[in-house]
Amino acid sequence: MGTTLTAVALVGDGDDETLAVVNVGDSRTYLLRDGELDQLTDDHGLVAELVRSGQLSAEEAEVHPQKNVLTRVLGLDEDVEVDCFQVVPYRGDRLLLASDGLTNEVTDAQMASVLRRLADPQEAAAELVRMAKDNGGSDNITVVVVDVVDDDDRAEAASAALAGDPRPTQTALREPPVRDTPPPSSTQARDAIPAATPPSSRRLTFRVALFVVVLLLLVGGAVVTVGWYARGGYFVGLAGSKVEIYKGRPGGTLWFKPTVAEHTGLTSDQVQATFVDDIKAGKPEPSLAAARTYVKNVQKPAPAPSPTPAPQP
């Protein structure tokens, strides 16, 4: 069995503290900032990757039969590629961590509405779980709501910097200015610090293993199909001067060569002249019985018996 994971941890020290976000699978981390909800993590699923590459629309993805097929999980391989990046937190930010039991039943707009409406994080989490159950509750529902309640005046300092405040940063930290410009959006915060790139793994990953299995199935299916075609009929042909019934196709197909299914006991001299060229080329027949009938029909008729002389009186 495999499982998914999304997690957030406070890292760093003092003014340098950031939120480290990691993700494997289709559990998600969202950030609500200034009333706007953004999904920070990317789903590691077949359909999600098709949407990101532009091969599917979001609407098509919602009804796709393979929407639950994951390309990355924990538990199937010893090594797994993990998405890891950092987000700069600001006072008033709210993070939502949730399994697909929530996101499959409740829309982003509905989640944002609950997170904006309910100030208590425990109440907000309980309300989201209730909504997911009411909408079907077809999977386990895990919800964590985290509020950023203090940022050491980082939001005010960022506002002052963006507004072009001439005072030094330390002064801004001691005397918070009027907030004319909001802190960076969640997308800007996510992009401010580059994502940590995990070391490449030479082990067989789940995605590679799945590709190999699918490829082997396709090759095996092709071999079976060619074999069925190559061995799916009979023909009458010549082996030297002998007329034989073969199983297969005249000349063979790829590595499938025809084999003698039955000896007729005839030679080409015993076949009517008009049929000899067809037999040399290989006369296809759908079944062994049809081939036998053809051989019987192309034989030269037996010579009429000589008349018996009448007895002398």
C-alpha atoms as a PDB file:
ATOM      1  CA  MET A   1       0.000   0.000   0.000  1.00  0.00           C
ATOM      2  CA  GLY A   2       1.056   3.578  -0.623  1.00  0.00           C
ATOM      3  CA  THR A   3       0.033   6.799   1.078  1.00  0.00           C
ATOM      4  CA  THR A   4       0.247  10.523   0.449  1.00  0.00           C
ATOM      5  CA  LEU A   5       1.814  13.252   2.570  1.00  0.00           C
ATOM      6  CA  THR A   6       1.807  17.008   2.825  1.00  0.00           C
ATOM      7  CA  ALA A   7       3.517  18.756   5.728  1.00  0.00           C
ATOM      8  CA  VAL A   8       4.556  22.217   6.917  1.00  0.00           C
ATOM      9  CA  ALA A   9       7.323  23.067   9.384  1.00  0.00           C
ATOM     10  CA  LEU A  10       8.706  26.332  10.745  1.00  0.00           C
ATOM     11  CA  VAL A  11      12.426  26.508   9.944  1.00  0.00           C
ATOM     12  CA  GLY A  12      15.144  29.078  10.466  1.00  0.00           C
ATOM     13  CA  ASP A  13      15.617  31.521  13.317  1.00  0.00           C
ATOM     14  CA  GLY A  14      14.173  34.925  14.161  1.00  0.00           C
ATOM     15  CA  ASP A  15      13.751  37.217  11.171  1.00  0.00           C
ATOM     16  CA  ASP A  16      14.857  34.389   8.884  1.00  0.00           C
ATOM     17  CA  GLU A  17      12.060  31.982   9.867  1.00  0.00           C
ATOM     18  CA  THR A  18      10.183  30.498   6.927  1.00  0.00           C
ATOM     19  CA  LEU A  19       7.652  27.731   6.396  1.00  0.00           C
ATOM     20  CA  ALA A  20       9.056  24.627   4.719  1.00  0.00           C
ATOM     21  CA  VAL A  21       6.434  22.757   2.700  1.00  0.00           C
ATOM     22  CA  VAL A  22       6.845  19.171   1.468  1.00  0.00           C
ATOM     23  CA  ASN A  23       4.462  17.120  -0.622  1.00  0.00           C
ATOM     24  CA  VAL A  24       4.121  13.625  -2.123  1.00  0.00           C
ATOM     25  CA  GLY A  25       0.873  12.473  -3.742  1.00  0.00           C
ATOM     26  CA  ASP A  26      -2.409  14.365  -3.966  1.00  0.00           C
ATOM     27  CA  SER A  27      -2.830  15.678  -0.426  1.00  0.00           C
ATOM     28  CA  ARG A  28      -2.589  19.461  -0.641  1.00  0.00           C
ATOM     29  CA  THR A  29      -1.360  22.565   1.175  1.00  0.00           C
ATOM     30  CA  TYR A  30      -3.234  25.830   0.568  1.00  0.00           C
ATOM     31  CA  LEU A  31      -2.414  29.388   1.652  1.00  0.00           C
ATOM     32  CA  LEU A  32      -5.118  31.951   2.442  1.00  0.00           C
ATOM     33  CA  ARG A  33      -3.594  35.437   2.273  1.00  0.00           C
ATOM     34  CA  ASP A  34      -5.607  38.657   2.190  1.00  0.00           C
ATOM     35  CA  GLY A  35      -8.733  36.618   1.579  1.00  0.00           C
ATOM     36  CA  GLU A  36      -7.350  34.841  -1.498  1.00  0.00           C
ATOM     37  CA  LEU A  37      -6.849  31.064  -1.412  1.00  0.00           C
ATOM     38  CA  ASP A  38      -3.974  29.583  -3.461  1.00  0.00           C
ATOM     39  CA  GLN A  39      -2.935  25.958  -3.799  1.00  0.00           C
ATOM     40  CA  LEU A  40       0.777  25.774  -2.988  1.00  0.00           C
ATOM     41  CA  THR A  41       1.437  22.113  -3.799  1.00  0.00           C
ATOM     42  CA  ASP A  42       1.095  20.219  -7.067  1.00  0.00           C
ATOM     43  CA  ASP A  43      -0.812  16.940  -7.180  1.00  0.00           C
ATOM     44  CA  HIS A  44       1.296  13.969  -8.239  1.00  0.00           C
ATOM     45  CA  GLY A  45      -1.364  12.257 -10.308  1.00  0.00           C
ATOM     46  CA  LEU A  46      -1.726  11.119 -13.902  1.00  0.00           C
ATOM     47  CA  VAL A  47      -4.617  13.458 -14.690  1.00  0.00           C
ATOM     48  CA  ALA A  48      -3.048  16.381 -12.799  1.00  0.00           C
ATOM     49  CA  GLU A  49       0.092  16.078 -14.917  1.00  0.00           C
ATOM     50  CA  LEU A  50      -2.034  16.026 -18.091  1.00  0.00           C
ATOM     51  CA  VAL A  51      -3.711  19.256 -16.948  1.00  0.00           C
ATOM     52  CA  ARG A  52      -0.358  20.933 -16.210  1.00  0.00           C
ATOM     53  CA  SER A  53       0.946  19.927 -19.647  1.00  0.00           C
ATOM     54  CA  GLY A  54      -2.156  21.352 -21.332  1.00  0.00           C
ATOM     55  CA  GLN A  55      -3.462  18.004 -22.601  1.00  0.00           C
ATOM     56  CA  LEU A  56      -6.590  18.172 -20.420  1.00  0.00           C
ATOM     57  CA  SER A  57      -8.728  21.015 -19.147  1.00  0.00           C
ATOM     58  CA  ALA A  58      -9.683  21.339 -15.477  1.00  0.00           C
ATOM     59  CA  GLU A  59     -13.277  20.490 -16.389  1.00  0.00           C
ATOM     60  CA  GLU A  60     -12.223  17.340 -18.255  1.00  0.00           C
ATOM     61  CA  ALA A  61     -10.014  16.320 -15.334  1.00  0.00           C
ATOM     62  CA  GLU A  62     -12.975  16.378 -12.929  1.00  0.00           C
ATOM     63  CA  VAL A  63     -14.729  13.555 -14.805  1.00  0.00           C
ATOM     64  CA  HIS A  64     -11.682  11.661 -16.077  1.00  0.00           C
ATOM     65  CA  PRO A  65     -11.864   7.924 -15.183  1.00  0.00           C
ATOM     66  CA  GLN A  66      -8.197   7.914 -14.102  1.00  0.00           C
ATOM     67  CA  LYS A  67      -8.342  10.994 -11.882  1.00  0.00           C
ATOM     68  CA  ASN A  68      -7.340   8.929  -8.826  1.00  0.00           C
ATOM     69  CA  VAL A  69      -4.243   7.328 -10.417  1.00  0.00           C
ATOM     70  CA  LEU A  70      -1.167   8.615  -8.557  1.00  0.00           C
ATOM     71  CA  THR A  71       2.330   8.856 -10.003  1.00  0.00           C
ATOM     72  CA  ARG A  72       4.133   9.434  -6.682  1.00  0.00           C
ATOM     73  CA  VAL A  73       3.339   8.002  -3.238  1.00  0.00           C
ATOM     74  CA  LEU A  74       5.084   6.937  -0.060  1.00  0.00           C
ATOM     75  CA  GLY A  75       5.478   3.244   0.646  1.00  0.00           C
ATOM     76  CA  LEU A  76       5.998   1.629  -2.762  1.00  0.00           C
ATOM     77  CA  ASP A  77       9.654   2.516  -3.319  1.00  0.00           C
ATOM     78  CA  GLU A  78      12.600   2.890  -0.986  1.00  0.00           C
ATOM     79  CA  ASP A  79      13.334   6.291  -2.543  1.00  0.00           C
ATOM     80  CA  VAL A  80      10.716   8.800  -3.649  1.00  0.00           C
ATOM     81  CA  GLU A  81      11.005  12.262  -5.192  1.00  0.00           C
ATOM     82  CA  VAL A  82       9.597  14.868  -2.793  1.00  0.00           C
ATOM     83  CA  ASP A  83       8.460  18.389  -3.700  1.00  0.00           C
ATOM     84  CA  CYS A  84      10.086  20.763  -1.203  1.00  0.00           C
ATOM     85  CA  PHE A  85       9.991  24.562  -1.088  1.00  0.00           C
ATOM     86  CA  GLN A  86       9.755  27.413   1.408  1.00  0.00           C
ATOM     87  CA  VAL A  87       7.148  30.119   1.980  1.00  0.00           C
ATOM     88  CA  VAL A  88       7.717  33.377   3.845  1.00  0.00           C
ATOM     89  CA  PRO A  89       4.945  33.659   6.484  1.00  0.00           C
ATOM     90  CA  TYR A  90       3.117  36.878   7.341  1.00  0.00           C
ATOM     91  CA  ARG A  91       0.805  37.617  10.250  1.00  0.00           C
ATOM     92  CA  GLY A  92      -2.755  36.880   9.196  1.00  0.00           C
ATOM     93  CA  ASP A  93      -1.806  34.055   6.832  1.00  0.00           C
ATOM     94  CA  ARG A  94      -3.821  30.856   7.196  1.00  0.00           C
ATOM     95  CA  LEU A  95      -2.619  27.478   5.909  1.00  0.00           C
ATOM     96  CA  LEU A  96      -4.886  24.569   5.082  1.00  0.00           C
ATOM     97  CA  LEU A  97      -3.491  21.039   4.841  1.00  0.00           C
ATOM     98  CA  ALA A  98      -5.951  18.446   3.558  1.00  0.00           C
ATOM     99  CA  SER A  99      -6.266  14.977   2.072  1.00  0.00           C
ATOM    100  CA  ASP A 100      -8.199  14.352  -1.121  1.00  0.00           C
ATOM    101  CA  GLY A 101     -11.168  13.295   0.995  1.00  0.00           C
ATOM    102  CA  LEU A 102     -11.784  17.022   1.406  1.00  0.00           C
ATOM    103  CA  THR A 103     -10.657  18.381  -1.953  1.00  0.00           C
ATOM    104  CA  ASN A 104     -12.680  15.824  -3.936  1.00  0.00           C
ATOM    105  CA  GLU A 105     -15.904  16.842  -2.160  1.00  0.00           C
ATOM    106  CA  VAL A 106     -15.489  20.580  -1.455  1.00  0.00           C
ATOM    107  CA  THR A 107     -14.516  23.189  -4.043  1.00  0.00           C
ATOM    108  CA  ASP A 108     -11.718  25.717  -3.567  1.00  0.00           C
ATOM    109  CA  ALA A 109     -14.274  28.518  -3.439  1.00  0.00           C
ATOM    110  CA  GLN A 110     -16.204  26.762  -0.652  1.00  0.00           C
ATOM    111  CA  MET A 111     -12.999  26.138   1.306  1.00  0.00           C
ATOM    112  CA  ALA A 112     -11.976  29.782   0.956  1.00  0.00           C
ATOM    113  CA  SER A 113     -15.395  30.906   2.176  1.00  0.00           C
ATOM    114  CA  VAL A 114     -15.139  28.787   5.331  1.00  0.00           C
ATOM    115  CA  LEU A 115     -11.565  29.909   6.040  1.00  0.00           C
ATOM    116  CA  ARG A 116     -12.575  33.570   5.692  1.00  0.00           C
ATOM    117  CA  ARG A 117     -15.770  33.203   7.755  1.00  0.00           C
ATOM    118  CA  LEU A 118     -14.606  31.209  10.786  1.00  0.00           C
ATOM    119  CA  ALA A 119     -11.792  32.779  12.797  1.00  0.00           C
ATOM    120  CA  ASP A 120     -11.134  29.815  15.070  1.00  0.00           C
ATOM    121  CA  PRO A 121      -8.934  27.248  13.225  1.00  0.00           C
ATOM    122  CA  GLN A 122     -10.510  24.282  15.027  1.00  0.00           C
ATOM    123  CA  GLU A 123     -14.006  25.420  14.059  1.00  0.00           C
ATOM    124  CA  ALA A 124     -12.910  25.973  10.471  1.00  0.00           C
ATOM    125  CA  ALA A 125     -11.386  22.475  10.258  1.00  0.00           C
ATOM    126  CA  ALA A 126     -14.503  20.875  11.769  1.00  0.00           C
ATOM    127  CA  GLU A 127     -16.772  22.765   9.344  1.00  0.00           C
ATOM    128  CA  LEU A 128     -14.730  21.614   6.331  1.00  0.00           C
ATOM    129  CA  VAL A 129     -14.922  17.989   7.492  1.00  0.00           C
ATOM    130  CA  ARG A 130     -18.690  18.314   7.959  1.00  0.00           C
ATOM    131  CA  MET A 131     -19.116  19.738   4.440  1.00  0.00           C
ATOM    132  CA  ALA A 132     -17.059  16.919   2.905  1.00  0.00           C
ATOM    133  CA  LYS A 133     -19.189  14.311   4.693  1.00  0.00           C
ATOM    134  CA  ASP A 134     -22.419  16.005   3.600  1.00  0.00           C
ATOM    135  CA  ASN A 135     -21.194  16.063  -0.015  1.00  0.00           C
ATOM    136  CA  GLY A 136     -20.543  12.318  -0.102  1.00  0.00           C
ATOM    137  CA  GLY A 137     -17.617  11.540   2.196  1.00  0.00           C
ATOM    138  CA  SER A 138     -16.326   8.830  -0.135  1.00  0.00           C
ATOM    139  CA  ASP A 139     -12.778   8.882   1.304  1.00  0.00           C
ATOM    140  CA  ASN A 140     -10.982   9.572   4.573  1.00  0.00           C
ATOM    141  CA  ILE A 141     -11.021  13.294   5.393  1.00  0.00           C
ATOM    142  CA  THR A 142      -7.981  14.864   7.060  1.00  0.00           C
ATOM    143  CA  VAL A 143      -7.917  18.627   7.652  1.00  0.00           C
ATOM    144  CA  VAL A 144      -5.384  20.820   9.473  1.00  0.00           C
ATOM    145  CA  VAL A 145      -5.769  24.618   9.721  1.00  0.00           C
ATOM    146  CA  VAL A 146      -2.724  26.654  10.826  1.00  0.00           C
ATOM    147  CA  ASP A 147      -2.790  30.394  11.588  1.00  0.00           C
ATOM    148  CA  VAL A 148       0.240  32.671  11.505  1.00  0.00           C
ATOM    149  CA  VAL A 149      -0.309  34.876  14.583  1.00  0.00           C
ATOM    150  CA  ASP A 150       3.096  36.598  14.759  1.00  0.00           C
ATOM    151  CA  ASP A 151       5.786  37.381  12.203  1.00  0.00           C
ATOM    152  CA  ASP A 152       8.074  39.704  14.205  1.00  0.00           C
ATOM    153  CA  ASP A 153       6.572  42.655  12.293  1.00  0.00           C
ATOM    154  CA  ARG A 154       7.690  41.197   8.961  1.00  0.00           C
ATOM    155  CA  ALA A 155       4.414  42.218   7.279  1.00  0.00           C
ATOM    156  CA  GLU A 156       4.866  45.863   8.297  1.00  0.00           C
ATOM    157  CA  ALA A 157       8.514  45.826   7.233  1.00  0.00           C
ATOM    158  CA  ALA A 158       7.597  44.340   3.852  1.00  0.00           C
ATOM    159  CA  SER A 159       4.850  46.924   3.396  1.00  0.00           C
ATOM    160  CA  ALA A 160       7.264  49.712   4.162  1.00  0.00           C
ATOM    161  CA  ALA A 161       9.835  48.334   1.736  1.00  0.00           C
ATOM    162  CA  LEU A 162       7.305  47.917  -1.063  1.00  0.00           C
ATOM    163  CA  ALA A 163       5.932  51.381  -0.428  1.00  0.00           C
ATOM    164  CA  GLY A 164       9.411  52.885  -0.739  1.00  0.00           C
ATOM    165  CA  ASP A 165       9.729  53.969   2.922  1.00  0.00           C
ATOM    166  CA  PRO A 166      13.142  55.716   3.201  1.00  0.00           C
ATOM    167  CA  ARG A 167      13.628  54.711   6.805  1.00  0.00           C
ATOM    168  CA  PRO A 168      15.973  51.796   7.561  1.00  0.00           C
ATOM    169  CA  THR A 169      14.500  48.394   8.183  1.00  0.00           C
ATOM    170  CA  GLN A 170      15.312  48.411  11.912  1.00  0.00           C
ATOM    171  CA  THR A 171      13.362  51.662  12.346  1.00  0.00           C
ATOM    172  CA  ALA A 172      10.449  50.186  10.444  1.00  0.00           C
ATOM    173  CA  LEU A 173      10.456  47.176  12.738  1.00  0.00           C
ATOM    174  CA  ARG A 174      10.330  49.341  15.844  1.00  0.00           C
ATOM    175  CA  GLU A 175       7.768  51.819  14.490  1.00  0.00           C
ATOM    176  CA  PRO A 176       5.343  50.017  12.148  1.00  0.00           C
ATOM    177  CA  PRO A 177       4.189  52.369   9.381  1.00  0.00           C
ATOM    178  CA  VAL A 178       0.697  52.566   7.959  1.00  0.00           C
ATOM    179  CA  ARG A 179       0.115  49.522   5.729  1.00  0.00           C
ATOM    180  CA  ASP A 180      -0.292  51.087   2.293  1.00  0.00           C
ATOM    181  CA  THR A 181       0.805  48.041   0.301  1.00  0.00           C
ATOM    182  CA  PRO A 182      -0.065  44.417   1.197  1.00  0.00           C
ATOM    183  CA  PRO A 183       2.627  41.799   1.678  1.00  0.00           C
ATOM    184  CA  PRO A 184       3.565  39.721  -1.333  1.00  0.00           C
ATOM    185  CA  SER A 185       0.992  37.298  -2.678  1.00  0.00           C
ATOM    186  CA  SER A 186       1.282  33.604  -1.834  1.00  0.00           C
ATOM    187  CA  THR A 187       2.623  32.949  -5.338  1.00  0.00           C
ATOM    188  CA  GLN A 188       5.343  35.585  -4.873  1.00  0.00           C
ATOM    189  CA  ALA A 189       6.180  34.125  -1.483  1.00  0.00           C
ATOM    190  CA  ARG A 190       6.467  30.641  -2.892  1.00  0.00           C
ATOM    191  CA  ASP A 191       8.704  31.824  -5.706  1.00  0.00           C
ATOM    192  CA  ALA A 192      10.868  34.014  -3.462  1.00  0.00           C
ATOM    193  CA  ILE A 193      12.935  31.037  -2.331  1.00  0.00           C
ATOM    194  CA  PRO A 194      13.690  28.413  -4.970  1.00  0.00           C
ATOM    195  CA  ALA A 195      12.408  24.922  -4.415  1.00  0.00           C
ATOM    196  CA  ALA A 196      14.886  22.425  -3.108  1.00  0.00           C
ATOM    197  CA  THR A 197      15.720  19.993  -5.870  1.00  0.00           C
ATOM    198  CA  PRO A 198      16.007  16.430  -4.578  1.00  0.00           C
ATOM    199  CA  PRO A 199      18.976  14.411  -5.745  1.00  0.00           C
ATOM    200  CA  SER A 200      18.253  12.282  -8.751  1.00  0.00           C
ATOM    201  CA  SER A 201      17.650   8.659  -7.925  1.00  0.00           C
ATOM    202  CA  ARG A 202      18.882   5.803 -10.043  1.00  0.00           C
ATOM    203  CA  ARG A 203      16.538   3.358  -8.403  1.00  0.00           C
ATOM    204  CA  LEU A 204      13.473   2.043 -10.179  1.00  0.00           C
ATOM    205  CA  THR A 205      10.714   4.528  -9.383  1.00  0.00           C
ATOM    206  CA  PHE A 206       7.004   3.759  -9.368  1.00  0.00           C
ATOM    207  CA  ARG A 207       6.501   5.776 -12.555  1.00  0.00           C
ATOM    208  CA  VAL A 208       9.292   3.959 -14.381  1.00  0.00           C
ATOM    209  CA  ALA A 209       8.013   0.592 -13.171  1.00  0.00           C
ATOM    210  CA  LEU A 210       4.502   1.448 -14.363  1.00  0.00           C
ATOM    211  CA  PHE A 211       5.878   2.511 -17.755  1.00  0.00           C
ATOM    212  CA  VAL A 212       7.825  -0.748 -18.079  1.00  0.00           C
ATOM    213  CA  VAL A 213       4.768  -2.836 -17.175  1.00  0.00           C
ATOM    214  CA  VAL A 214       2.572  -0.994 -19.686  1.00  0.00           C
ATOM    215  CA  LEU A 215       5.251  -1.307 -22.367  1.00  0.00           C
ATOM    216  CA  LEU A 216       5.593  -5.054 -21.761  1.00  0.00           C
ATOM    217  CA  LEU A 217       1.821  -5.470 -21.943  1.00  0.00           C
ATOM    218  CA  LEU A 218       1.703  -3.584 -25.251  1.00  0.00           C
ATOM    219  CA  VAL A 219       4.577  -5.613 -26.711  1.00  0.00           C
ATOM    220  CA  GLY A 220       3.040  -8.855 -25.473  1.00  0.00           C
ATOM    221  CA  GLY A 221      -0.319  -7.904 -26.955  1.00  0.00           C
ATOM    222  CA  ALA A 222       1.320  -7.096 -30.285  1.00  0.00           C
ATOM    223  CA  VAL A 223       3.140 -10.453 -30.321  1.00  0.00           C
ATOM    224  CA  VAL A 224      -0.079 -12.337 -29.540  1.00  0.00           C
ATOM    225  CA  THR A 225      -1.956 -10.435 -32.270  1.00  0.00           C
ATOM    226  CA  VAL A 226       0.729 -11.089 -34.891  1.00  0.00           C
ATOM    227  CA  GLY A 227       0.917 -14.739 -33.857  1.00  0.00           C
ATOM    228  CA  TRP A 228      -2.844 -15.139 -34.109  1.00  0.00           C
ATOM    229  CA  TYR A 229      -2.804 -13.652 -37.604  1.00  0.00           C
ATOM    230  CA  ALA A 230       0.274 -15.595 -38.723  1.00  0.00           C
ATOM    231  CA  ARG A 231      -1.059 -18.959 -37.501  1.00  0.00           C
ATOM    232  CA  GLY A 232      -4.742 -18.296 -38.086  1.00  0.00           C
ATOM    233  CA  GLY A 233      -5.136 -19.963 -41.495  1.00  0.00           C
ATOM    234  CA  TYR A 234      -4.045 -22.720 -43.863  1.00  0.00           C
ATOM    235  CA  PHE A 235      -2.768 -22.899 -47.415  1.00  0.00           C
ATOM    236  CA  VAL A 236      -1.965 -25.529 -50.015  1.00  0.00           C
ATOM    237  CA  GLY A 237       1.591 -25.343 -51.306  1.00  0.00           C
ATOM    238  CA  LEU A 238       4.454 -27.289 -52.834  1.00  0.00           C
ATOM    239  CA  ALA A 239       7.467 -28.821 -51.109  1.00  0.00           C
ATOM    240  CA  GLY A 240       9.524 -29.700 -54.140  1.00  0.00           C
ATOM    241  CA  SER A 241       7.013 -31.636 -56.225  1.00  0.00           C
ATOM    242  CA  LYS A 242       4.894 -32.739 -53.247  1.00  0.00           C
ATOM    243  CA  VAL A 243       1.549 -31.065 -52.551  1.00  0.00           C
ATOM    244  CA  GLU A 244       1.247 -30.268 -48.842  1.00  0.00           C
ATOM    245  CA  ILE A 245      -1.295 -28.537 -46.580  1.00  0.00           C
ATOM    246  CA  TYR A 246       0.401 -25.908 -44.383  1.00  0.00           C
ATOM    247  CA  LYS A 247      -0.734 -24.062 -41.266  1.00  0.00           C
ATOM    248  CA  GLY A 248       0.129 -20.348 -41.393  1.00  0.00           C
ATOM    249  CA  ARG A 249       0.496 -17.771 -44.146  1.00  0.00           C
ATOM    250  CA  PRO A 250       2.293 -18.260 -47.474  1.00  0.00           C
ATOM    251  CA  GLY A 251       5.881 -17.058 -47.041  1.00  0.00           C
ATOM    252  CA  GLY A 252       5.422 -16.662 -43.285  1.00  0.00           C
ATOM    253  CA  THR A 253       4.815 -13.538 -41.177  1.00  0.00           C
ATOM    254  CA  LEU A 254       7.795 -12.003 -39.364  1.00  0.00           C
ATOM    255  CA  TRP A 255       9.327 -14.824 -37.296  1.00  0.00           C
ATOM    256  CA  PHE A 256       6.218 -17.054 -37.579  1.00  0.00           C
ATOM    257  CA  LYS A 257       6.962 -19.632 -40.314  1.00  0.00           C
ATOM    258  CA  PRO A 258       4.351 -21.976 -41.790  1.00  0.00           C
ATOM    259  CA  THR A 259       4.428 -25.621 -40.764  1.00  0.00           C
ATOM    260  CA  VAL A 260       3.138 -28.732 -42.525  1.00  0.00           C
ATOM    261  CA  ALA A 261      -0.293 -29.582 -41.168  1.00  0.00           C
ATOM    262  CA  GLU A 262      -0.994 -32.594 -43.393  1.00  0.00           C
ATOM    263  CA  HIS A 263       0.647 -34.611 -46.176  1.00  0.00           C
ATOM    264  CA  THR A 264      -1.667 -35.135 -49.163  1.00  0.00           C
ATOM    265  CA  GLY A 265       0.284 -37.870 -50.960  1.00  0.00           C
ATOM    266  CA  LEU A 266      -0.085 -35.947 -54.245  1.00  0.00           C
ATOM    267  CA  THR A 267       2.578 -34.574 -56.555  1.00  0.00           C
ATOM    268  CA  SER A 268       2.329 -31.614 -58.885  1.00  0.00           C
ATOM    269  CA  ASP A 269       2.022 -34.041 -61.820  1.00  0.00           C
ATOM    270  CA  GLN A 270      -1.265 -35.258 -60.358  1.00  0.00           C
ATOM    271  CA  VAL A 271      -2.763 -31.746 -60.201  1.00  0.00           C
ATOM    272  CA  GLN A 272      -4.732 -30.186 -63.041  1.00  0.00           C
ATOM    273  CA  ALA A 273      -2.468 -27.792 -64.938  1.00  0.00           C
ATOM    274  CA  THR A 274      -4.676 -24.739 -64.351  1.00  0.00           C
ATOM    275  CA  PHE A 275      -4.171 -24.997 -60.557  1.00  0.00           C
ATOM    276  CA  VAL A 276      -0.418 -25.636 -60.412  1.00  0.00           C
ATOM    277  CA  ASP A 277       0.610 -21.949 -60.397  1.00  0.00           C
ATOM    278  CA  ASP A 278      -1.826 -21.167 -57.556  1.00  0.00           C
ATOM    279  CA  ILE A 279      -0.403 -23.987 -55.469  1.00  0.00           C
ATOM    280  CA  LYS A 280       3.170 -22.877 -56.163  1.00  0.00           C
ATOM    281  CA  ALA A 281       2.276 -19.410 -54.845  1.00  0.00           C
ATOM    282  CA  GLY A 282       0.363 -20.881 -51.906  1.00  0.00           C
ATOM    283  CA  LYS A 283      -3.421 -21.187 -52.095  1.00  0.00           C
ATOM    284  CA  PRO A 284      -4.906 -19.790 -48.817  1.00  0.00           C
ATOM    285  CA  GLU A 285      -7.836 -21.591 -47.212  1.00  0.00           C
ATOM    286  CA  PRO A 286      -9.685 -20.640 -43.999  1.00  0.00           C
ATOM    287  CA  SER A 287      -9.617 -24.112 -42.427  1.00  0.00           C
ATOM    288  CA  LEU A 288      -8.037 -27.534 -42.671  1.00  0.00           C
ATOM    289  CA  ALA A 289     -11.303 -28.997 -44.013  1.00  0.00           C
ATOM    290  CA  ALA A 290     -11.446 -26.351 -46.753  1.00  0.00           C
ATOM    291  CA  ALA A 291      -7.834 -27.124 -47.722  1.00  0.00           C
ATOM    292  CA  ARG A 292      -8.629 -30.836 -47.976  1.00  0.00           C
ATOM    293  CA  THR A 293     -11.619 -30.079 -50.196  1.00  0.00           C
ATOM    294  CA  TYR A 294      -9.467 -27.888 -52.463  1.00  0.00           C
ATOM    295  CA  VAL A 295      -6.848 -30.651 -52.840  1.00  0.00           C
ATOM    296  CA  LYS A 296      -9.555 -33.141 -53.738  1.00  0.00           C
ATOM    297  CA  ASN A 297     -11.012 -30.806 -56.374  1.00  0.00           C
ATOM    298  CA  VAL A 298      -7.710 -30.008 -58.150  1.00  0.00           C
ATOM    299  CA  GLN A 299      -6.639 -33.611 -58.709  1.00  0.00           C
ATOM    300  CA  LYS A 300      -6.552 -34.886 -62.241  1.00  0.00           C
ATOM    301  CA  PRO A 301      -9.440 -37.265 -62.911  1.00  0.00           C
ATOM    302  CA  ALA A 302      -8.495 -40.898 -62.909  1.00  0.00           C
ATOM    303  CA  PRO A 303      -8.201 -42.366 -66.436  1.00  0.00           C
ATOM    304  CA  ALA A 304     -11.227 -44.291 -67.636  1.00  0.00           C
ATOM    305  CA  PRO A 305     -10.755 -48.072 -67.468  1.00  0.00           C
ATOM    306  CA  SER A 306     -10.020 -49.867 -70.778  1.00  0.00           C
ATOM    307  CA  PRO A 307     -13.039 -51.708 -72.214  1.00  0.00           C
ATOM    308  CA  THR A 308     -13.000 -55.450 -71.711  1.00  0.00           C
ATOM    309  CA  PRO A 309     -12.915 -57.251 -75.110  1.00  0.00           C
ATOM    310  CA  ALA A 310     -15.996 -59.298 -75.905  1.00  0.00           C
ATOM    311  CA  PRO A 311     -15.497 -63.085 -75.801  1.00  0.00           C
ATOM    312  CA  GLN A 312     -15.066 -64.826 -79.151  1.00  0.00           C
ATOM    313  CA  PRO A 313     -17.870 -67.174 -80.164  1.00  0.00           C
END
